[in-house]
């Protein structure tokens, strides 16, 4: 577990930009000592789920304007801020700043929208996207994690698009485990054979419970991590890498994203939700017993300890998370900006809720397919998928 993480990130700040300077004391924020630069404090115990006080004090800020010194200085403190997800920006960067860090900090497109203090504000979304890019610089592991992606399907027409999205994942070594639920292999053969990734598939009769199909598909998994994938949703190219990153920096046993972007297919509209049906705020970068089911990621050994998915036709994700929590597993919910759930008529999905339910919870609504920018080109296939 990293000593500093995005846990507690504030999506709607109530203060503006402050300035980050270099002084004899190190990096300072408006005259106050910023997070330690070359002298970081010892990491807290793995059970600690709060952030250091200096990071918590910066959460209300929209971000920090970096005033670079002329001569090179240690960047540890600045990278610590990036690890916490604190938005950093500058009009330029001196040549001694690493190019990849300079490129993110000097990209000021996220400042184009003025905040208005509401969850509907596009400024907050652009700010969070910028924060995620900074987190990746600080937290991505040096190696390449291996991930076994498990997908069960009874809709062969969706398989080519789903496999194409898995193939565009970066930052992870991926294998695909495909459970064909009452679907003959011949109906997906072409898509499987055209995939550049290793694939293992199994045909399971239609009457077998959905959870059992997932478990049979997952049986030959060889990856360090197991990730659940839904055939009808959309995933950004860094989806798997971000999940592994969140699992690593949080020290959690199970992770997944917030399920906040929905494409309501019959209405051809995208919504972003900000609350649960209970009225409680729906946040990311928090410890929780709930993550989006199509984004569950867990170490393969922990998946086996939990007992796999429940052998039932519905509520498989919910009851897997319940079993995980009851076993003592820590569950962490990371950002959902690289994930969009598709919702059609209620009978078309195992999660049967009317479209009105999602509209009621929406904090933002757009015509057409309007995902976060972190989806990159994911929107180009929305109508065709």
Foldseek 3Di string as FASTA:
>chain_A
DAQAAQFPADLQAPAEEWEWEQDPQGIATPPHDAADFPDHDDRDPLPDRDHDPRLVVQRNYLAYEYDDDPDDDGCRRVLSNLRNLGQAAYCADDPPPDPLVRVLRNPCPLVPFDDDRAPQGVSSLSSSVSSVSSNCVNQQDPDAFEEEEFEEDQDLVLVLVQLVQVLLAPSHQYEYQYQHQCDDCVSNVVSQVPRPHHYDYDYDYNPFAPQVSRVVSCVVDDTQKYWYAYSQKAFANHLVSVQVSLCVNSVFQKEFAAAFWEQEVVQQKIFGFQADPVRHGRDASHWDLDHPQRTIMGGPVLCVVLPGFDRHRAPRSNVSSVSCVVVVTTYHYHHDQRIYHYDYAQVVDSNRDHPVSSVVRGPYMDHHDDGRCSSPCRRVCNVVD
